[in-house]
C-alpha cells in the first residue's frame, strides 16, 4: 500500500479530463489531435533513451524494452502521411503492430527468467514498471468501455479519457526510461571505478 502513488498518473489524467470538461478551460488539452501529435514525440524519446541504456548496459531487460518502445513508436505512427521525394505516402501499421505484439509476448515468455532477474536487481525499477503496466492497462480498459455506466459522462468523454490516460502512460514510461539510464550508467561507472582501483598500473603493463 505504501506504493499507492504508482496509480497517480492514470488517476490524475482522469481528473484533468473532468476538470477541463467541467470548467471549460484549455479544451485543446483533451482533444484527440493534441494527444496523437504528442505521442510519437514521447515514444520516440523513450526509444532513444532506452537504446542508449541498452548499449551502455547490454542488459536483457533494456534490450527488450528498447524493442517494445520501437513497436509502440510504429503503432503511434499509424495513419501518418510521409512526404518522400515529392510524393505523399500514408503509413498503416495496425496489423503489423498486432503481429509485433504477439512476437513480443512470445519473446517475453522465452526470456522470462532473464527479465525477472533484471527486475529483481532494483526494487525501485520493479515498482516503477508495475505502475507503468497498470497505467497502460487502465488506458486499454477505458478504450474498451469497461467503465461504461460507472463514471460520469463516460459516453461523451471516453475518447478524451483514453487518449489522456495513454499520454500519462507514455510520460510514466519516459520517467522509467530516464531512471533506467541513470541506474545502469551509475552501475557501470561504479564498476569501472572499482576495476580501476583493483588493477595496478604494473598489472596493466604486463
N, C-alpha and C. Protein backbone atom coordinates (compact mmCIF):
# COMPACT_ATOMS: atom_id res chain seq x y z
N UNK A 1 0.82 -1.21 0.00
CA UNK A 1 0.00 0.00 0.00
C UNK A 1 0.85 1.26 0.00
N UNK A 2 2.09 1.16 0.51
CA UNK A 2 2.93 2.36 0.56
C UNK A 2 3.32 2.85 -0.83
N UNK A 3 3.13 2.01 -1.84
CA UNK A 3 3.46 2.41 -3.22
C UNK A 3 2.20 2.77 -4.02
N UNK A 4 1.17 3.23 -3.31
CA UNK A 4 -0.09 3.60 -3.97
C UNK A 4 0.11 4.69 -5.00
N UNK A 5 1.19 5.47 -4.88
CA UNK A 5 1.41 6.60 -5.78
C UNK A 5 1.57 6.17 -7.23
N UNK A 6 1.87 4.90 -7.49
CA UNK A 6 2.01 4.46 -8.88
C UNK A 6 0.69 4.53 -9.63
N UNK A 7 -0.43 4.67 -8.89
CA UNK A 7 -1.74 4.82 -9.52
C UNK A 7 -2.02 6.26 -9.94
N UNK A 8 -1.21 7.19 -9.46
CA UNK A 8 -1.49 8.61 -9.66
C UNK A 8 -1.49 9.07 -11.12
N UNK A 9 -0.54 8.63 -11.97
CA UNK A 9 -0.57 9.13 -13.36
C UNK A 9 -1.91 8.91 -14.05
N UNK A 10 -2.45 7.69 -13.94
CA UNK A 10 -3.74 7.42 -14.57
C UNK A 10 -4.87 8.19 -13.93
N UNK A 11 -4.89 8.25 -12.59
CA UNK A 11 -5.96 8.95 -11.89
C UNK A 11 -5.90 10.46 -12.14
N UNK A 12 -4.70 11.02 -12.16
CA UNK A 12 -4.55 12.46 -12.44
C UNK A 12 -5.01 12.79 -13.86
N UNK A 13 -4.75 11.88 -14.80
CA UNK A 13 -5.21 12.08 -16.17
C UNK A 13 -6.73 12.14 -16.23
N UNK A 14 -7.38 11.22 -15.50
CA UNK A 14 -8.85 11.20 -15.47
C UNK A 14 -9.39 12.48 -14.85
N UNK A 15 -8.80 12.90 -13.73
CA UNK A 15 -9.25 14.12 -13.05
C UNK A 15 -9.07 15.33 -13.95
N UNK A 16 -7.95 15.37 -14.69
CA UNK A 16 -7.70 16.52 -15.58
C UNK A 16 -8.74 16.59 -16.69
N UNK A 17 -9.16 15.45 -17.22
CA UNK A 17 -10.18 15.44 -18.27
C UNK A 17 -11.50 16.00 -17.73
N UNK A 18 -11.90 15.53 -16.56
CA UNK A 18 -13.14 16.03 -15.98
C UNK A 18 -13.03 17.50 -15.60
N UNK A 19 -11.85 17.93 -15.15
CA UNK A 19 -11.65 19.33 -14.82
C UNK A 19 -11.78 20.23 -16.04
N UNK A 20 -11.13 19.83 -17.14
CA UNK A 20 -11.21 20.60 -18.39
C UNK A 20 -12.64 20.64 -18.90
N UNK A 21 -13.33 19.49 -18.84
CA UNK A 21 -14.70 19.42 -19.34
C UNK A 21 -15.65 20.26 -18.48
N UNK A 22 -15.49 20.17 -17.17
CA UNK A 22 -16.41 20.86 -16.26
C UNK A 22 -16.23 22.37 -16.28
N UNK A 23 -14.95 22.81 -16.23
CA UNK A 23 -14.68 24.24 -16.16
C UNK A 23 -14.50 24.88 -17.53
N UNK A 24 -14.49 24.06 -18.58
CA UNK A 24 -14.35 24.54 -19.96
C UNK A 24 -13.10 25.42 -20.13
N UNK A 25 -11.95 24.91 -19.63
CA UNK A 25 -10.68 25.61 -19.77
C UNK A 25 -9.70 24.73 -20.53
N UNK A 26 -8.89 25.35 -21.36
CA UNK A 26 -7.91 24.63 -22.17
C UNK A 26 -8.53 23.40 -22.85
N UNK A 27 -9.58 23.58 -23.62
CA UNK A 27 -10.24 22.43 -24.24
C UNK A 27 -9.34 21.64 -25.18
N UNK A 28 -8.30 22.27 -25.71
CA UNK A 28 -7.37 21.58 -26.60
C UNK A 28 -6.65 20.43 -25.89
N UNK A 29 -6.58 20.52 -24.55
CA UNK A 29 -5.83 19.51 -23.79
C UNK A 29 -6.45 18.12 -23.88
N UNK A 30 -7.75 18.04 -24.11
CA UNK A 30 -8.40 16.72 -24.15
C UNK A 30 -8.80 16.34 -25.58
N UNK A 31 -8.26 17.04 -26.57
CA UNK A 31 -8.58 16.69 -27.95
C UNK A 31 -7.70 15.54 -28.43
N UNK A 32 -8.24 14.73 -29.31
CA UNK A 32 -7.51 13.58 -29.84
C UNK A 32 -6.30 14.03 -30.66
N UNK A 33 -6.44 15.13 -31.41
CA UNK A 33 -5.33 15.62 -32.23
C UNK A 33 -4.12 16.01 -31.39
N UNK A 34 -4.37 16.64 -30.24
CA UNK A 34 -3.26 17.04 -29.37
C UNK A 34 -2.49 15.83 -28.89
N UNK A 35 -3.18 14.83 -28.40
CA UNK A 35 -2.52 13.65 -27.84
C UNK A 35 -1.87 12.79 -28.93
N UNK A 36 -2.52 12.69 -30.09
CA UNK A 36 -1.93 11.92 -31.18
C UNK A 36 -0.69 12.60 -31.75
N UNK A 37 -0.64 13.94 -31.65
CA UNK A 37 0.55 14.65 -32.10
C UNK A 37 1.68 14.55 -31.10
N UNK A 38 1.35 14.47 -29.81
CA UNK A 38 2.36 14.40 -28.76
C UNK A 38 2.94 13.00 -28.60
N UNK A 39 2.12 11.99 -28.80
CA UNK A 39 2.52 10.60 -28.54
C UNK A 39 3.78 10.16 -29.29
N UNK A 40 3.90 10.40 -30.62
CA UNK A 40 5.13 9.96 -31.31
C UNK A 40 6.39 10.63 -30.77
N UNK A 41 6.28 11.88 -30.32
CA UNK A 41 7.44 12.57 -29.76
C UNK A 41 7.87 11.92 -28.45
N UNK A 42 6.89 11.60 -27.60
CA UNK A 42 7.21 10.96 -26.32
C UNK A 42 7.80 9.57 -26.52
N UNK A 43 7.15 8.78 -27.37
CA UNK A 43 7.61 7.41 -27.58
C UNK A 43 8.96 7.40 -28.30
N UNK A 44 9.17 8.35 -29.21
CA UNK A 44 10.48 8.46 -29.87
C UNK A 44 11.58 8.77 -28.88
N UNK A 45 11.30 9.67 -27.92
CA UNK A 45 12.28 9.99 -26.88
C UNK A 45 12.55 8.77 -26.00
N UNK A 46 11.50 8.04 -25.66
CA UNK A 46 11.65 6.82 -24.85
C UNK A 46 12.54 5.81 -25.57
N UNK A 47 12.29 5.62 -26.86
CA UNK A 47 13.09 4.67 -27.64
C UNK A 47 14.56 5.05 -27.65
N UNK A 48 14.87 6.33 -27.87
CA UNK A 48 16.27 6.76 -27.92
C UNK A 48 16.96 6.60 -26.57
N UNK A 49 16.24 6.91 -25.48
CA UNK A 49 16.83 6.77 -24.15
C UNK A 49 17.09 5.29 -23.83
N UNK A 50 16.12 4.43 -24.14
CA UNK A 50 16.30 3.01 -23.87
C UNK A 50 17.37 2.39 -24.77
N UNK A 51 17.46 2.86 -26.01
CA UNK A 51 18.51 2.37 -26.91
C UNK A 51 19.88 2.72 -26.33
N UNK A 52 20.03 3.95 -25.86
CA UNK A 52 21.29 4.36 -25.24
C UNK A 52 21.59 3.51 -24.01
N UNK A 53 20.58 3.26 -23.20
CA UNK A 53 20.75 2.46 -21.98
C UNK A 53 21.14 1.02 -22.31
N UNK A 54 20.49 0.45 -23.32
CA UNK A 54 20.81 -0.94 -23.70
C UNK A 54 22.22 -1.06 -24.25
N UNK A 55 22.69 -0.04 -24.97
CA UNK A 55 24.06 -0.07 -25.49
C UNK A 55 25.08 0.07 -24.36
N UNK A 56 24.71 0.84 -23.33
CA UNK A 56 25.60 1.02 -22.19
C UNK A 56 25.65 -0.24 -21.32
N UNK A 57 24.47 -0.81 -21.06
CA UNK A 57 24.37 -1.88 -20.07
C UNK A 57 24.46 -3.29 -20.64
N UNK A 58 24.09 -3.46 -21.92
CA UNK A 58 23.98 -4.80 -22.53
C UNK A 58 23.03 -5.68 -21.71
N UNK A 59 22.05 -5.04 -21.09
CA UNK A 59 21.12 -5.72 -20.20
C UNK A 59 19.93 -6.29 -20.98
N UNK A 60 19.52 -7.52 -20.67
CA UNK A 60 18.44 -8.18 -21.39
C UNK A 60 17.13 -7.40 -21.31
N UNK A 61 16.82 -6.90 -20.13
CA UNK A 61 15.58 -6.15 -19.94
C UNK A 61 15.59 -4.87 -20.77
N UNK A 62 16.72 -4.18 -20.81
CA UNK A 62 16.82 -2.94 -21.57
C UNK A 62 16.69 -3.20 -23.07
N UNK A 63 17.27 -4.30 -23.53
CA UNK A 63 17.14 -4.66 -24.94
C UNK A 63 15.68 -4.93 -25.28
N UNK A 64 15.01 -5.68 -24.41
CA UNK A 64 13.59 -6.00 -24.64
C UNK A 64 12.75 -4.73 -24.65
N UNK A 65 12.96 -3.86 -23.67
CA UNK A 65 12.16 -2.63 -23.59
C UNK A 65 12.44 -1.69 -24.76
N UNK A 66 13.67 -1.71 -25.27
CA UNK A 66 14.00 -0.89 -26.44
C UNK A 66 13.19 -1.32 -27.65
N UNK A 67 13.13 -2.63 -27.88
CA UNK A 67 12.34 -3.16 -29.00
C UNK A 67 10.86 -2.89 -28.77
N UNK A 68 10.40 -3.01 -27.53
CA UNK A 68 9.00 -2.72 -27.22
C UNK A 68 8.67 -1.26 -27.50
N UNK A 69 9.57 -0.35 -27.12
CA UNK A 69 9.36 1.07 -27.39
C UNK A 69 9.33 1.33 -28.90
N UNK A 70 10.13 0.61 -29.66
CA UNK A 70 10.11 0.75 -31.12
C UNK A 70 8.77 0.30 -31.68
N UNK A 71 8.22 -0.78 -31.14
CA UNK A 71 6.90 -1.26 -31.57
C UNK A 71 5.84 -0.21 -31.25
N UNK A 72 5.93 0.40 -30.06
CA UNK A 72 5.00 1.46 -29.69
C UNK A 72 5.11 2.64 -30.65
N UNK A 73 6.34 2.96 -31.05
CA UNK A 73 6.55 4.08 -31.96
C UNK A 73 5.91 3.79 -33.32
N UNK A 74 6.09 2.57 -33.81
CA UNK A 74 5.46 2.18 -35.07
C UNK A 74 3.94 2.28 -34.96
N UNK A 75 3.42 1.90 -33.80
CA UNK A 75 1.97 1.99 -33.57
C UNK A 75 1.50 3.44 -33.58
N UNK A 76 2.25 4.32 -32.95
CA UNK A 76 1.85 5.73 -32.87
C UNK A 76 1.94 6.42 -34.22
N UNK A 77 2.73 5.87 -35.13
CA UNK A 77 2.88 6.48 -36.46
C UNK A 77 1.82 5.99 -37.44
N UNK A 78 0.90 5.16 -36.96
CA UNK A 78 -0.18 4.68 -37.83
C UNK A 78 -1.01 5.85 -38.36
N UNK A 79 -1.37 5.79 -39.63
CA UNK A 79 -2.15 6.83 -40.31
C UNK A 79 -1.37 8.14 -40.47
N UNK A 80 -0.06 8.07 -40.37
CA UNK A 80 0.77 9.26 -40.59
C UNK A 80 1.12 9.36 -42.07
N UNK A 81 1.02 10.57 -42.62
CA UNK A 81 1.36 10.80 -44.02
C UNK A 81 2.80 11.30 -44.10
N UNK A 82 3.64 10.56 -44.83
CA UNK A 82 5.03 10.94 -45.02
C UNK A 82 5.23 11.47 -46.44
N UNK A 83 6.00 12.54 -46.55
CA UNK A 83 6.35 13.09 -47.86
C UNK A 83 7.74 12.60 -48.25
N UNK A 84 7.80 11.78 -49.31
CA UNK A 84 9.06 11.19 -49.74
C UNK A 84 9.24 11.47 -51.22
N UNK A 85 10.33 12.18 -51.56
CA UNK A 85 10.65 12.50 -52.96
C UNK A 85 9.46 13.14 -53.68
N UNK A 86 8.80 14.05 -52.98
CA UNK A 86 7.70 14.79 -53.60
C UNK A 86 6.37 14.09 -53.58
N UNK A 87 6.36 12.82 -53.15
CA UNK A 87 5.09 12.09 -53.08
C UNK A 87 4.64 11.91 -51.64
N UNK A 88 3.36 11.71 -51.42
CA UNK A 88 2.82 11.52 -50.08
C UNK A 88 2.39 10.07 -49.90
N UNK A 89 2.80 9.49 -48.78
CA UNK A 89 2.51 8.08 -48.51
C UNK A 89 1.87 7.94 -47.13
N UNK A 90 0.74 7.25 -47.08
CA UNK A 90 0.04 7.01 -45.82
C UNK A 90 0.58 5.74 -45.19
N UNK A 91 1.11 5.87 -43.97
CA UNK A 91 1.72 4.75 -43.27
C UNK A 91 0.65 4.05 -42.44
N UNK A 92 0.39 2.78 -42.74
CA UNK A 92 -0.58 1.98 -41.99
C UNK A 92 0.18 0.88 -41.25
N UNK A 93 0.03 0.83 -39.94
CA UNK A 93 0.83 -0.10 -39.16
C UNK A 93 0.03 -0.96 -38.19
N UNK A 94 -1.30 -0.84 -38.18
CA UNK A 94 -2.10 -1.52 -37.15
C UNK A 94 -1.90 -3.04 -37.19
N UNK A 95 -2.04 -3.65 -38.36
CA UNK A 95 -1.89 -5.10 -38.47
C UNK A 95 -0.47 -5.53 -38.18
N UNK A 96 0.50 -4.71 -38.62
CA UNK A 96 1.90 -5.01 -38.38
C UNK A 96 2.20 -5.00 -36.88
N UNK A 97 1.65 -4.01 -36.19
CA UNK A 97 1.88 -3.89 -34.74
C UNK A 97 1.26 -5.07 -34.00
N UNK A 98 0.08 -5.52 -34.43
CA UNK A 98 -0.55 -6.68 -33.79
C UNK A 98 0.37 -7.90 -33.86
N UNK A 99 1.00 -8.11 -35.01
CA UNK A 99 1.94 -9.22 -35.16
C UNK A 99 3.16 -9.03 -34.27
N UNK A 100 3.67 -7.80 -34.22
CA UNK A 100 4.83 -7.49 -33.39
C UNK A 100 4.54 -7.76 -31.92
N UNK A 101 3.33 -7.37 -31.46
CA UNK A 101 3.00 -7.55 -30.05
C UNK A 101 2.89 -9.03 -29.68
N UNK A 102 2.37 -9.83 -30.60
CA UNK A 102 2.35 -11.28 -30.37
C UNK A 102 3.78 -11.80 -30.25
N UNK A 103 4.64 -11.33 -31.15
CA UNK A 103 6.04 -11.73 -31.09
C UNK A 103 6.72 -11.30 -29.80
N UNK A 104 6.40 -10.07 -29.32
CA UNK A 104 6.98 -9.59 -28.07
C UNK A 104 6.50 -10.44 -26.89
N UNK A 105 5.25 -10.87 -26.95
CA UNK A 105 4.73 -11.73 -25.89
C UNK A 105 5.44 -13.07 -25.85
N UNK A 106 5.65 -13.67 -27.01
CA UNK A 106 6.37 -14.94 -27.08
C UNK A 106 7.82 -14.78 -26.64
N UNK A 107 8.42 -13.66 -27.03
CA UNK A 107 9.80 -13.36 -26.62
C UNK A 107 9.88 -13.24 -25.09
N UNK A 108 8.91 -12.56 -24.49
CA UNK A 108 8.90 -12.38 -23.03
C UNK A 108 8.78 -13.73 -22.32
N UNK A 109 7.97 -14.63 -22.89
CA UNK A 109 7.83 -15.97 -22.29
C UNK A 109 9.17 -16.71 -22.36
N UNK A 110 9.84 -16.62 -23.50
CA UNK A 110 11.13 -17.29 -23.65
C UNK A 110 12.23 -16.70 -22.77
N UNK A 111 12.14 -15.40 -22.52
CA UNK A 111 13.17 -14.70 -21.74
C UNK A 111 12.72 -14.42 -20.31
N UNK A 112 11.65 -15.04 -19.83
CA UNK A 112 11.07 -14.64 -18.55
C UNK A 112 12.06 -14.72 -17.39
N UNK A 113 12.94 -15.71 -17.40
CA UNK A 113 13.91 -15.83 -16.31
C UNK A 113 14.90 -14.66 -16.32
N UNK A 114 15.38 -14.30 -17.51
CA UNK A 114 16.31 -13.16 -17.63
C UNK A 114 15.63 -11.86 -17.24
N UNK A 115 14.40 -11.68 -17.70
CA UNK A 115 13.69 -10.43 -17.43
C UNK A 115 13.40 -10.26 -15.95
N UNK A 116 12.93 -11.34 -15.29
CA UNK A 116 12.63 -11.25 -13.86
C UNK A 116 13.91 -11.06 -13.04
N UNK A 117 15.01 -11.67 -13.50
CA UNK A 117 16.28 -11.49 -12.80
C UNK A 117 16.71 -10.02 -12.86
N UNK A 118 16.48 -9.37 -14.00
CA UNK A 118 16.83 -7.95 -14.15
C UNK A 118 15.95 -7.07 -13.26
N UNK A 119 14.65 -7.39 -13.20
CA UNK A 119 13.74 -6.62 -12.35
C UNK A 119 14.13 -6.74 -10.88
N UNK A 120 14.60 -7.92 -10.48
CA UNK A 120 14.90 -8.16 -9.07
C UNK A 120 16.17 -7.45 -8.61
N UNK A 121 16.91 -6.83 -9.52
CA UNK A 121 18.11 -6.10 -9.12
C UNK A 121 17.78 -4.76 -8.49
N UNK A 122 16.56 -4.27 -8.69
CA UNK A 122 16.20 -2.96 -8.15
C UNK A 122 14.72 -2.95 -7.77
N UNK A 123 14.45 -2.70 -6.49
CA UNK A 123 13.06 -2.59 -6.02
C UNK A 123 12.36 -1.42 -6.71
N UNK A 124 13.09 -0.30 -6.85
CA UNK A 124 12.51 0.88 -7.49
C UNK A 124 12.10 0.58 -8.92
N UNK A 125 12.96 -0.13 -9.63
CA UNK A 125 12.66 -0.50 -11.02
C UNK A 125 11.40 -1.35 -11.09
N UNK A 126 11.28 -2.29 -10.17
CA UNK A 126 10.11 -3.17 -10.14
C UNK A 126 8.84 -2.38 -9.86
N UNK A 127 8.92 -1.44 -8.91
CA UNK A 127 7.76 -0.62 -8.56
C UNK A 127 7.35 0.27 -9.72
N UNK A 128 8.33 0.93 -10.36
CA UNK A 128 8.04 1.82 -11.47
C UNK A 128 7.35 1.08 -12.61
N UNK A 129 7.86 -0.08 -12.96
CA UNK A 129 7.28 -0.80 -14.09
C UNK A 129 5.94 -1.45 -13.73
N UNK A 130 5.70 -1.71 -12.46
CA UNK A 130 4.37 -2.16 -12.04
C UNK A 130 3.36 -1.05 -12.28
N UNK A 131 3.74 0.18 -11.89
CA UNK A 131 2.87 1.33 -12.13
C UNK A 131 2.67 1.60 -13.61
N UNK A 132 3.73 1.42 -14.39
CA UNK A 132 3.65 1.64 -15.84
C UNK A 132 2.68 0.64 -16.47
N UNK A 133 2.81 -0.62 -16.07
CA UNK A 133 1.92 -1.67 -16.60
C UNK A 133 0.46 -1.35 -16.26
N UNK A 134 0.21 -0.92 -15.02
CA UNK A 134 -1.15 -0.58 -14.62
C UNK A 134 -1.70 0.58 -15.44
N UNK A 135 -0.89 1.60 -15.68
CA UNK A 135 -1.38 2.79 -16.39
C UNK A 135 -1.74 2.46 -17.83
N UNK A 136 -0.91 1.67 -18.51
CA UNK A 136 -1.25 1.24 -19.87
C UNK A 136 -2.50 0.36 -19.86
N UNK A 137 -2.59 -0.54 -18.87
CA UNK A 137 -3.77 -1.39 -18.77
C UNK A 137 -5.03 -0.56 -18.53
N UNK A 138 -4.91 0.46 -17.68
CA UNK A 138 -6.03 1.34 -17.38
C UNK A 138 -6.53 2.04 -18.65
N UNK A 139 -5.59 2.50 -19.49
CA UNK A 139 -5.98 3.16 -20.74
C UNK A 139 -6.71 2.20 -21.67
N UNK A 140 -6.29 0.93 -21.68
CA UNK A 140 -6.94 -0.05 -22.55
C UNK A 140 -8.32 -0.44 -22.01
N UNK A 141 -8.47 -0.46 -20.69
CA UNK A 141 -9.78 -0.72 -20.11
C UNK A 141 -10.77 0.39 -20.47
N UNK A 142 -10.27 1.63 -20.44
CA UNK A 142 -11.12 2.76 -20.84
C UNK A 142 -11.47 2.65 -22.32
N UNK A 143 -10.49 2.28 -23.14
CA UNK A 143 -10.72 2.16 -24.59
C UNK A 143 -11.78 1.11 -24.90
N UNK A 144 -11.85 0.08 -24.08
CA UNK A 144 -12.82 -1.00 -24.31
C UNK A 144 -14.13 -0.78 -23.55
N UNK A 145 -14.32 0.44 -23.06
CA UNK A 145 -15.58 0.87 -22.43
C UNK A 145 -15.94 0.04 -21.21
N UNK A 146 -14.94 -0.41 -20.46
CA UNK A 146 -15.19 -1.21 -19.27
C UNK A 146 -15.93 -0.39 -18.21
N UNK A 147 -15.69 0.93 -18.19
CA UNK A 147 -16.29 1.78 -17.17
C UNK A 147 -17.59 2.43 -17.63
N UNK A 148 -18.19 1.87 -18.67
CA UNK A 148 -19.47 2.38 -19.16
C UNK A 148 -20.53 2.26 -18.05
N UNK A 149 -21.17 3.38 -17.75
CA UNK A 149 -22.18 3.38 -16.71
C UNK A 149 -21.64 3.48 -15.31
N UNK A 150 -20.30 3.52 -15.19
CA UNK A 150 -19.66 3.59 -13.87
C UNK A 150 -19.20 5.01 -13.58
N UNK A 151 -18.50 5.63 -14.54
CA UNK A 151 -18.00 7.00 -14.35
C UNK A 151 -18.95 7.98 -15.05
N UNK A 152 -19.03 9.21 -14.57
CA UNK A 152 -19.96 10.19 -15.17
C UNK A 152 -19.58 10.54 -16.61
N UNK A 153 -20.56 10.72 -17.44
CA UNK A 153 -20.38 11.17 -18.84
C UNK A 153 -19.39 10.30 -19.60
N UNK A 154 -19.37 9.01 -19.30
CA UNK A 154 -18.40 8.11 -19.95
C UNK A 154 -18.62 8.07 -21.46
N UNK A 155 -19.88 8.08 -21.88
CA UNK A 155 -20.18 8.00 -23.31
C UNK A 155 -19.63 9.22 -24.05
N UNK A 156 -19.69 10.38 -23.42
CA UNK A 156 -19.22 11.61 -24.04
C UNK A 156 -17.70 11.73 -23.98
N UNK A 157 -17.11 11.26 -22.89
CA UNK A 157 -15.69 11.54 -22.62
C UNK A 157 -14.77 10.33 -22.77
N UNK A 158 -15.27 9.19 -23.26
CA UNK A 158 -14.39 8.02 -23.25
C UNK A 158 -13.18 8.18 -24.16
N UNK A 159 -13.32 8.91 -25.28
CA UNK A 159 -12.15 9.13 -26.16
C UNK A 159 -11.13 10.05 -25.50
N UNK A 160 -11.53 11.24 -24.97
CA UNK A 160 -10.56 12.06 -24.24
C UNK A 160 -9.93 11.33 -23.06
N UNK A 161 -10.72 10.51 -22.34
CA UNK A 161 -10.17 9.76 -21.21
C UNK A 161 -9.11 8.77 -21.68
N UNK A 162 -9.44 8.03 -22.74
CA UNK A 162 -8.48 7.06 -23.26
C UNK A 162 -7.19 7.73 -23.71
N UNK A 163 -7.31 8.79 -24.50
CA UNK A 163 -6.13 9.46 -25.06
C UNK A 163 -5.28 10.10 -23.95
N UNK A 164 -5.93 10.71 -22.97
CA UNK A 164 -5.19 11.40 -21.91
C UNK A 164 -4.49 10.40 -20.99
N UNK A 165 -5.16 9.31 -20.66
CA UNK A 165 -4.53 8.29 -19.81
C UNK A 165 -3.38 7.62 -20.55
N UNK A 166 -3.53 7.41 -21.85
CA UNK A 166 -2.44 6.81 -22.62
C UNK A 166 -1.24 7.75 -22.67
N UNK A 167 -1.49 9.06 -22.80
CA UNK A 167 -0.39 10.02 -22.76
C UNK A 167 0.28 10.00 -21.40
N UNK A 168 -0.51 9.87 -20.33
CA UNK A 168 0.06 9.74 -18.99
C UNK A 168 0.94 8.50 -18.88
N UNK A 169 0.52 7.41 -19.53
CA UNK A 169 1.32 6.19 -19.53
C UNK A 169 2.64 6.41 -20.28
N UNK A 170 2.57 7.13 -21.40
CA UNK A 170 3.81 7.44 -22.14
C UNK A 170 4.76 8.28 -21.28
N UNK A 171 4.21 9.26 -20.56
CA UNK A 171 5.04 10.09 -19.68
C UNK A 171 5.65 9.25 -18.56
N UNK A 172 4.87 8.32 -18.03
CA UNK A 172 5.37 7.40 -17.00
C UNK A 172 6.50 6.54 -17.58
N UNK A 173 6.32 6.06 -18.80
CA UNK A 173 7.34 5.26 -19.48
C UNK A 173 8.61 6.08 -19.67
N UNK A 174 8.46 7.37 -19.98
CA UNK A 174 9.61 8.25 -20.15
C UNK A 174 10.38 8.38 -18.84
N UNK A 175 9.66 8.53 -17.74
CA UNK A 175 10.30 8.60 -16.42
C UNK A 175 11.04 7.29 -16.12
N UNK A 176 10.41 6.16 -16.42
CA UNK A 176 11.05 4.85 -16.21
C UNK A 176 12.32 4.73 -17.05
N UNK A 177 12.26 5.19 -18.30
CA UNK A 177 13.42 5.11 -19.18
C UNK A 177 14.57 5.97 -18.65
N UNK A 178 14.24 7.16 -18.15
CA UNK A 178 15.28 8.04 -17.58
C UNK A 178 15.87 7.42 -16.33
N UNK A 179 15.04 6.78 -15.50
CA UNK A 179 15.56 6.10 -14.32
C UNK A 179 16.50 4.97 -14.71
N UNK A 180 16.11 4.19 -15.73
CA UNK A 180 16.96 3.09 -16.20
C UNK A 180 18.32 3.62 -16.69
N UNK A 181 18.29 4.71 -17.44
CA UNK A 181 19.53 5.30 -17.94
C UNK A 181 20.42 5.71 -16.77
N UNK A 182 19.84 6.37 -15.78
CA UNK A 182 20.61 6.79 -14.60
C UNK A 182 21.11 5.57 -13.82
N UNK A 183 20.24 4.58 -13.62
CA UNK A 183 20.58 3.40 -12.83
C UNK A 183 21.74 2.62 -13.45
N UNK A 184 21.64 2.32 -14.74
CA UNK A 184 22.67 1.50 -15.37
C UNK A 184 23.94 2.29 -15.66
N UNK A 185 23.82 3.59 -15.92
CA UNK A 185 25.02 4.42 -16.10
C UNK A 185 25.81 4.50 -14.81
N UNK A 186 25.09 4.66 -13.69
CA UNK A 186 25.74 4.72 -12.38
C UNK A 186 26.42 3.40 -12.04
N UNK A 187 25.73 2.31 -12.32
CA UNK A 187 26.31 0.98 -12.06
C UNK A 187 27.57 0.76 -12.87
N UNK A 188 27.54 1.16 -14.16
CA UNK A 188 28.71 0.96 -15.00
C UNK A 188 29.87 1.83 -14.53
N UNK A 189 29.57 3.08 -14.15
CA UNK A 189 30.63 3.97 -13.66
C UNK A 189 31.25 3.42 -12.39
N UNK A 190 30.41 2.87 -11.49
CA UNK A 190 30.91 2.29 -10.25
C UNK A 190 31.77 1.06 -10.52
N UNK A 191 31.35 0.25 -11.52
CA UNK A 191 32.11 -0.94 -11.88
C UNK A 191 33.47 -0.57 -12.44
N UNK A 192 33.50 0.44 -13.31
CA UNK A 192 34.76 0.88 -13.91
C UNK A 192 35.69 1.44 -12.83
N UNK A 193 35.12 2.20 -11.90
CA UNK A 193 35.93 2.77 -10.82
C UNK A 193 36.50 1.67 -9.94
N UNK A 194 35.71 0.62 -9.67
CA UNK A 194 36.17 -0.49 -8.85
C UNK A 194 37.30 -1.24 -9.54
N UNK A 195 37.15 -1.49 -10.84
CA UNK A 195 38.19 -2.19 -11.59
C UNK A 195 39.48 -1.36 -11.63
N UNK A 196 39.33 -0.05 -11.78
CA UNK A 196 40.50 0.83 -11.85
C UNK A 196 41.27 0.83 -10.53
N UNK A 197 40.52 0.71 -9.41
CA UNK A 197 41.18 0.71 -8.11
C UNK A 197 41.82 -0.63 -7.79
N UNK A 198 41.30 -1.72 -8.38
CA UNK A 198 41.83 -3.06 -8.14
C UNK A 198 43.06 -3.33 -8.99
N UNK A 199 43.01 -2.94 -10.26
CA UNK A 199 44.11 -3.22 -11.20
C UNK A 199 45.23 -2.22 -10.99
N UNK A 200 46.42 -2.72 -10.71
CA UNK A 200 47.60 -1.87 -10.53
C UNK A 200 48.19 -1.47 -11.86
N UNK A 201 48.85 -0.31 -11.94
CA UNK A 201 49.49 0.11 -13.19
C UNK A 201 50.46 -0.93 -13.72
N UNK A 202 51.19 -1.60 -12.81
CA UNK A 202 52.14 -2.61 -13.24
C UNK A 202 51.46 -3.80 -13.89
N UNK A 203 50.25 -4.12 -13.38
CA UNK A 203 49.49 -5.25 -13.96
C UNK A 203 49.09 -4.94 -15.39
N UNK A 204 48.70 -3.66 -15.64
CA UNK A 204 48.30 -3.26 -16.98
C UNK A 204 49.48 -3.36 -17.93
N UNK A 205 50.66 -2.95 -17.43
CA UNK A 205 51.86 -3.00 -18.28
C UNK A 205 52.20 -4.42 -18.66
N UNK A 206 52.02 -5.35 -17.71
CA UNK A 206 52.30 -6.76 -18.02
C UNK A 206 51.32 -7.32 -19.02
